[in-house]
Amino acid sequence: MLKRKTVLHTHFHRSVKSAGELELKQADNDGFKAEEETMTSFELSYTDSQLDDFTFNVSAFLQELEVLSFGLGENRPVGTFSVWGTEFEVTYQKSDHLLTLSHSFTKLIEIADADGNQ
């Protein structure tokens, strides 16, 4: 049985992906610093389990990704893109049975190459 509760969460994340060891070595040999790929995201989520057997989850998010091209001995900025989206989930749990229904929607807001052109 699920406990009865209502929860509102906010999440902020910043992730960094470094180049592979070949790209790092090549950049060091050439006297450059290897580029990093980053993702920044913000999410707002709401969970409601006021009913004994059901849990409802709704969330909305916004993400910005700075994308790199990773190649042998080279990594360079490709551009950035921004997306927003929503997710919805309903879970029903009764004794040994669990049923989950979910759906998500994502929309591209903006895409720009490394020079800032859209």
N, C-alpha and C. Protein backbone atom coordinates (compact mmCIF):
# COMPACT_ATOMS: atom_id res chain seq x y z
N MET A 1 0.84 -1.17 0.00
CA MET A 1 0.00 0.00 0.00
C MET A 1 0.90 1.25 0.00
N LEU A 2 0.54 2.23 -0.78
CA LEU A 2 1.28 3.48 -0.83
C LEU A 2 0.87 4.40 0.30
N LYS A 3 1.81 5.16 0.79
CA LYS A 3 1.49 6.15 1.82
C LYS A 3 0.83 7.36 1.17
N ARG A 4 -0.08 7.97 1.87
CA ARG A 4 -0.78 9.14 1.35
C ARG A 4 0.11 10.37 1.50
N LYS A 5 0.38 11.02 0.35
CA LYS A 5 1.19 12.23 0.43
C LYS A 5 1.09 13.02 -0.88
N THR A 6 1.43 14.29 -0.77
CA THR A 6 1.54 15.17 -1.93
C THR A 6 2.89 15.86 -1.84
N VAL A 7 3.64 15.82 -2.93
CA VAL A 7 5.00 16.36 -2.93
C VAL A 7 5.21 17.22 -4.17
N LEU A 8 5.85 18.37 -3.97
CA LEU A 8 6.24 19.26 -5.05
C LEU A 8 7.77 19.36 -5.02
N HIS A 9 8.41 19.03 -6.16
CA HIS A 9 9.87 19.05 -6.25
C HIS A 9 10.32 20.05 -7.30
N THR A 10 11.47 20.66 -7.06
CA THR A 10 12.17 21.40 -8.10
C THR A 10 13.57 20.82 -8.19
N HIS A 11 14.07 20.68 -9.40
CA HIS A 11 15.39 20.12 -9.63
C HIS A 11 16.16 21.03 -10.58
N PHE A 12 17.42 21.27 -10.27
CA PHE A 12 18.32 21.97 -11.17
C PHE A 12 19.54 21.09 -11.35
N HIS A 13 19.90 20.80 -12.60
CA HIS A 13 21.04 19.94 -12.89
C HIS A 13 21.97 20.61 -13.90
N ARG A 14 23.25 20.38 -13.73
CA ARG A 14 24.23 20.80 -14.73
C ARG A 14 25.18 19.63 -14.89
N SER A 15 25.22 19.06 -16.08
CA SER A 15 26.07 17.90 -16.38
C SER A 15 27.15 18.30 -17.37
N VAL A 16 28.32 17.69 -17.23
CA VAL A 16 29.43 17.97 -18.13
C VAL A 16 29.98 16.65 -18.64
N LYS A 17 30.16 16.58 -19.96
CA LYS A 17 30.77 15.41 -20.57
C LYS A 17 32.11 15.83 -21.16
N SER A 18 33.17 15.21 -20.69
CA SER A 18 34.51 15.53 -21.19
C SER A 18 34.82 14.69 -22.43
N ALA A 19 35.84 15.12 -23.13
CA ALA A 19 36.29 14.38 -24.30
C ALA A 19 36.89 13.05 -23.86
N GLY A 20 37.01 12.13 -24.81
CA GLY A 20 37.65 10.85 -24.53
C GLY A 20 39.16 11.02 -24.40
N GLU A 21 39.84 9.95 -24.00
CA GLU A 21 41.26 10.07 -23.73
C GLU A 21 42.08 10.39 -24.98
N LEU A 22 41.66 9.91 -26.17
CA LEU A 22 42.39 10.25 -27.40
C LEU A 22 42.28 11.74 -27.70
N GLU A 23 41.06 12.29 -27.55
CA GLU A 23 40.86 13.72 -27.80
C GLU A 23 41.60 14.57 -26.78
N LEU A 24 41.59 14.13 -25.51
CA LEU A 24 42.31 14.86 -24.46
C LEU A 24 43.82 14.87 -24.74
N LYS A 25 44.36 13.72 -25.15
CA LYS A 25 45.79 13.62 -25.45
C LYS A 25 46.15 14.48 -26.64
N GLN A 26 45.34 14.43 -27.71
CA GLN A 26 45.61 15.22 -28.91
C GLN A 26 45.55 16.72 -28.60
N ALA A 27 44.56 17.14 -27.82
CA ALA A 27 44.44 18.56 -27.45
C ALA A 27 45.66 18.98 -26.63
N ASP A 28 46.11 18.13 -25.72
CA ASP A 28 47.29 18.45 -24.91
C ASP A 28 48.54 18.55 -25.78
N ASN A 29 48.69 17.61 -26.74
CA ASN A 29 49.84 17.64 -27.65
C ASN A 29 49.84 18.91 -28.50
N ASP A 30 48.66 19.38 -28.88
CA ASP A 30 48.55 20.57 -29.72
C ASP A 30 48.53 21.86 -28.92
N GLY A 31 48.60 21.75 -27.58
CA GLY A 31 48.62 22.94 -26.74
C GLY A 31 47.25 23.56 -26.51
N PHE A 32 46.20 22.79 -26.72
CA PHE A 32 44.84 23.30 -26.53
C PHE A 32 44.18 22.60 -25.35
N LYS A 33 43.11 23.21 -24.87
CA LYS A 33 42.27 22.58 -23.85
C LYS A 33 41.09 21.92 -24.57
N ALA A 34 40.81 20.67 -24.25
CA ALA A 34 39.70 19.97 -24.89
C ALA A 34 38.37 20.60 -24.48
N GLU A 35 37.45 20.68 -25.41
CA GLU A 35 36.12 21.25 -25.14
C GLU A 35 35.31 20.28 -24.28
N GLU A 36 34.29 20.81 -23.61
CA GLU A 36 33.38 20.00 -22.81
C GLU A 36 31.96 20.21 -23.31
N GLU A 37 31.18 19.15 -23.28
CA GLU A 37 29.77 19.21 -23.65
C GLU A 37 28.97 19.37 -22.36
N THR A 38 28.03 20.33 -22.32
CA THR A 38 27.27 20.56 -21.10
C THR A 38 25.77 20.48 -21.34
N MET A 39 25.06 20.11 -20.31
CA MET A 39 23.60 20.12 -20.33
C MET A 39 23.13 20.76 -19.03
N THR A 40 22.26 21.74 -19.15
CA THR A 40 21.68 22.41 -18.00
C THR A 40 20.18 22.17 -18.05
N SER A 41 19.59 21.77 -16.93
CA SER A 41 18.15 21.50 -16.94
C SER A 41 17.49 21.95 -15.64
N PHE A 42 16.24 22.29 -15.78
CA PHE A 42 15.40 22.67 -14.64
C PHE A 42 14.11 21.87 -14.75
N GLU A 43 13.66 21.28 -13.66
CA GLU A 43 12.43 20.48 -13.68
C GLU A 43 11.58 20.81 -12.46
N LEU A 44 10.30 20.86 -12.69
CA LEU A 44 9.31 21.05 -11.64
C LEU A 44 8.39 19.84 -11.69
N SER A 45 8.24 19.14 -10.57
CA SER A 45 7.40 17.93 -10.58
C SER A 45 6.45 17.92 -9.38
N TYR A 46 5.31 17.28 -9.59
CA TYR A 46 4.26 17.17 -8.58
C TYR A 46 3.84 15.72 -8.49
N THR A 47 3.81 15.18 -7.27
CA THR A 47 3.39 13.80 -7.02
C THR A 47 2.24 13.82 -6.02
N ASP A 48 1.20 13.06 -6.36
CA ASP A 48 0.04 12.98 -5.48
C ASP A 48 -0.33 11.51 -5.31
N SER A 49 -0.33 11.04 -4.07
CA SER A 49 -0.76 9.67 -3.78
C SER A 49 -1.82 9.70 -2.68
N GLN A 50 -2.81 10.54 -2.84
CA GLN A 50 -3.88 10.66 -1.85
C GLN A 50 -4.81 9.44 -1.86
N LEU A 51 -4.91 8.78 -3.00
CA LEU A 51 -5.73 7.57 -3.08
C LEU A 51 -4.87 6.36 -2.74
N ASP A 52 -5.45 5.38 -2.09
CA ASP A 52 -4.70 4.22 -1.62
C ASP A 52 -3.95 3.48 -2.71
N ASP A 53 -4.56 3.27 -3.86
CA ASP A 53 -3.97 2.42 -4.88
C ASP A 53 -3.36 3.18 -6.06
N PHE A 54 -3.50 4.49 -6.10
CA PHE A 54 -3.04 5.28 -7.25
C PHE A 54 -2.00 6.31 -6.85
N THR A 55 -1.06 6.53 -7.73
CA THR A 55 -0.09 7.63 -7.60
C THR A 55 -0.09 8.39 -8.92
N PHE A 56 -0.16 9.71 -8.85
CA PHE A 56 -0.16 10.57 -10.02
C PHE A 56 1.11 11.43 -10.00
N ASN A 57 1.83 11.47 -11.11
CA ASN A 57 3.03 12.30 -11.24
C ASN A 57 2.90 13.17 -12.48
N VAL A 58 3.22 14.45 -12.34
CA VAL A 58 3.24 15.39 -13.45
C VAL A 58 4.52 16.20 -13.33
N SER A 59 5.22 16.41 -14.45
CA SER A 59 6.42 17.24 -14.39
C SER A 59 6.55 18.05 -15.67
N ALA A 60 7.25 19.16 -15.55
CA ALA A 60 7.59 20.02 -16.68
C ALA A 60 9.08 20.31 -16.59
N PHE A 61 9.75 20.37 -17.75
CA PHE A 61 11.20 20.59 -17.72
C PHE A 61 11.64 21.50 -18.86
N LEU A 62 12.82 22.07 -18.66
CA LEU A 62 13.47 22.93 -19.64
C LEU A 62 14.93 22.52 -19.66
N GLN A 63 15.49 22.27 -20.87
CA GLN A 63 16.87 21.83 -20.99
C GLN A 63 17.60 22.63 -22.06
N GLU A 64 18.89 22.88 -21.82
CA GLU A 64 19.75 23.48 -22.83
C GLU A 64 21.00 22.61 -22.93
N LEU A 65 21.32 22.22 -24.16
CA LEU A 65 22.48 21.36 -24.39
C LEU A 65 23.46 22.06 -25.32
N GLU A 66 24.73 22.05 -24.93
CA GLU A 66 25.81 22.53 -25.77
C GLU A 66 26.47 21.28 -26.33
N VAL A 67 26.33 21.07 -27.64
CA VAL A 67 26.73 19.82 -28.27
C VAL A 67 28.08 19.95 -28.95
N LEU A 68 28.91 18.91 -28.81
CA LEU A 68 30.22 18.85 -29.44
C LEU A 68 30.25 17.74 -30.47
N SER A 69 31.14 17.90 -31.43
CA SER A 69 31.45 16.84 -32.37
C SER A 69 32.69 16.14 -31.85
N PHE A 70 32.59 14.85 -31.59
CA PHE A 70 33.74 14.09 -31.11
C PHE A 70 34.28 13.28 -32.27
N GLY A 71 35.53 13.53 -32.65
CA GLY A 71 36.17 12.77 -33.70
C GLY A 71 37.55 12.38 -33.24
N LEU A 72 38.20 11.52 -34.00
CA LEU A 72 39.53 11.06 -33.64
C LEU A 72 40.49 12.25 -33.61
N GLY A 73 40.97 12.57 -32.43
CA GLY A 73 41.92 13.65 -32.26
C GLY A 73 41.33 15.04 -32.32
N GLU A 74 40.02 15.15 -32.38
CA GLU A 74 39.41 16.47 -32.49
C GLU A 74 38.05 16.48 -31.82
N ASN A 75 37.77 17.52 -31.09
CA ASN A 75 36.42 17.77 -30.62
C ASN A 75 36.19 19.27 -30.74
N ARG A 76 35.05 19.62 -31.29
CA ARG A 76 34.78 21.04 -31.51
C ARG A 76 33.29 21.30 -31.29
N PRO A 77 32.95 22.54 -30.92
CA PRO A 77 31.54 22.88 -30.70
C PRO A 77 30.73 22.77 -31.98
N VAL A 78 29.57 22.17 -31.89
CA VAL A 78 28.65 22.08 -33.02
C VAL A 78 27.56 23.13 -32.88
N GLY A 79 27.04 23.28 -31.67
CA GLY A 79 25.98 24.26 -31.43
C GLY A 79 25.24 23.97 -30.15
N THR A 80 24.12 24.66 -29.97
CA THR A 80 23.28 24.45 -28.79
C THR A 80 21.84 24.25 -29.21
N PHE A 81 21.11 23.55 -28.41
CA PHE A 81 19.67 23.50 -28.61
C PHE A 81 18.96 23.48 -27.27
N SER A 82 17.77 24.05 -27.28
CA SER A 82 16.95 24.16 -26.08
C SER A 82 15.63 23.45 -26.32
N VAL A 83 15.16 22.72 -25.31
CA VAL A 83 13.89 22.00 -25.40
C VAL A 83 13.12 22.19 -24.10
N TRP A 84 11.82 22.06 -24.20
CA TRP A 84 10.97 22.01 -23.01
C TRP A 84 10.05 20.81 -23.19
N GLY A 85 9.49 20.35 -22.09
CA GLY A 85 8.61 19.20 -22.19
C GLY A 85 7.83 18.96 -20.92
N THR A 86 6.92 18.01 -21.03
CA THR A 86 6.11 17.60 -19.90
C THR A 86 6.06 16.07 -19.85
N GLU A 87 5.82 15.56 -18.67
CA GLU A 87 5.66 14.12 -18.48
C GLU A 87 4.48 13.89 -17.53
N PHE A 88 3.75 12.82 -17.78
CA PHE A 88 2.60 12.47 -16.96
C PHE A 88 2.65 10.97 -16.69
N GLU A 89 2.36 10.57 -15.47
CA GLU A 89 2.40 9.16 -15.11
C GLU A 89 1.32 8.85 -14.07
N VAL A 90 0.63 7.73 -14.27
CA VAL A 90 -0.34 7.22 -13.30
C VAL A 90 0.08 5.79 -12.98
N THR A 91 0.15 5.50 -11.68
CA THR A 91 0.51 4.15 -11.25
C THR A 91 -0.60 3.59 -10.37
N TYR A 92 -0.98 2.35 -10.69
CA TYR A 92 -1.97 1.62 -9.88
C TYR A 92 -1.26 0.42 -9.29
N GLN A 93 -1.35 0.25 -7.96
CA GLN A 93 -0.71 -0.88 -7.31
C GLN A 93 -1.69 -1.53 -6.34
N LYS A 94 -1.91 -2.82 -6.53
CA LYS A 94 -2.80 -3.59 -5.67
C LYS A 94 -2.12 -4.94 -5.42
N SER A 95 -1.80 -5.22 -4.19
CA SER A 95 -1.09 -6.42 -3.75
C SER A 95 0.12 -6.68 -4.65
N ASP A 96 0.13 -7.76 -5.42
CA ASP A 96 1.29 -8.11 -6.25
C ASP A 96 1.21 -7.55 -7.67
N HIS A 97 0.27 -6.69 -7.96
CA HIS A 97 0.09 -6.18 -9.32
C HIS A 97 0.43 -4.69 -9.37
N LEU A 98 1.14 -4.32 -10.44
CA LEU A 98 1.52 -2.93 -10.65
C LEU A 98 1.27 -2.58 -12.11
N LEU A 99 0.54 -1.51 -12.34
CA LEU A 99 0.25 -1.03 -13.69
C LEU A 99 0.64 0.44 -13.75
N THR A 100 1.46 0.80 -14.74
CA THR A 100 1.89 2.18 -14.91
C THR A 100 1.57 2.64 -16.32
N LEU A 101 0.96 3.80 -16.43
CA LEU A 101 0.70 4.44 -17.70
C LEU A 101 1.44 5.77 -17.69
N SER A 102 2.17 6.06 -18.77
CA SER A 102 2.92 7.31 -18.81
C SER A 102 2.97 7.86 -20.22
N HIS A 103 3.19 9.15 -20.29
CA HIS A 103 3.32 9.83 -21.59
C HIS A 103 4.21 11.04 -21.40
N SER A 104 4.99 11.35 -22.43
CA SER A 104 5.81 12.55 -22.37
C SER A 104 5.71 13.30 -23.69
N PHE A 105 5.97 14.60 -23.62
CA PHE A 105 5.94 15.47 -24.79
C PHE A 105 7.17 16.37 -24.71
N THR A 106 7.89 16.49 -25.82
CA THR A 106 9.07 17.34 -25.88
C THR A 106 8.97 18.25 -27.10
N LYS A 107 9.33 19.52 -26.92
CA LYS A 107 9.25 20.51 -28.00
C LYS A 107 10.58 21.23 -28.10
N LEU A 108 11.14 21.29 -29.31
CA LEU A 108 12.35 22.03 -29.57
C LEU A 108 12.04 23.52 -29.55
N ILE A 109 12.74 24.29 -28.73
CA ILE A 109 12.53 25.73 -28.65
C ILE A 109 13.43 26.46 -29.62
N GLU A 110 14.71 26.10 -29.58
CA GLU A 110 15.68 26.82 -30.39
C GLU A 110 16.87 25.91 -30.67
N ILE A 111 17.45 26.09 -31.85
CA ILE A 111 18.68 25.39 -32.20
C ILE A 111 19.59 26.40 -32.89
N ALA A 112 20.86 26.39 -32.53
CA ALA A 112 21.80 27.33 -33.11
C ALA A 112 23.15 26.62 -33.31
N ASP A 113 23.84 26.95 -34.41
CA ASP A 113 25.15 26.36 -34.61
C ASP A 113 26.18 27.06 -33.73
N ALA A 114 27.43 26.63 -33.81
CA ALA A 114 28.47 27.16 -32.92
C ALA A 114 28.70 28.66 -33.11
N ASP A 115 28.32 29.20 -34.28
CA ASP A 115 28.50 30.62 -34.56
C ASP A 115 27.28 31.44 -34.12
N GLY A 116 26.26 30.77 -33.56
CA GLY A 116 25.07 31.47 -33.09
C GLY A 116 23.98 31.61 -34.14
N ASN A 117 24.19 31.06 -35.34
CA ASN A 117 23.17 31.11 -36.39
C ASN A 117 22.07 30.11 -36.11
N GLN A 118 20.82 30.54 -36.32
CA GLN A 118 19.69 29.65 -36.06
C GLN A 118 19.24 28.97 -37.32
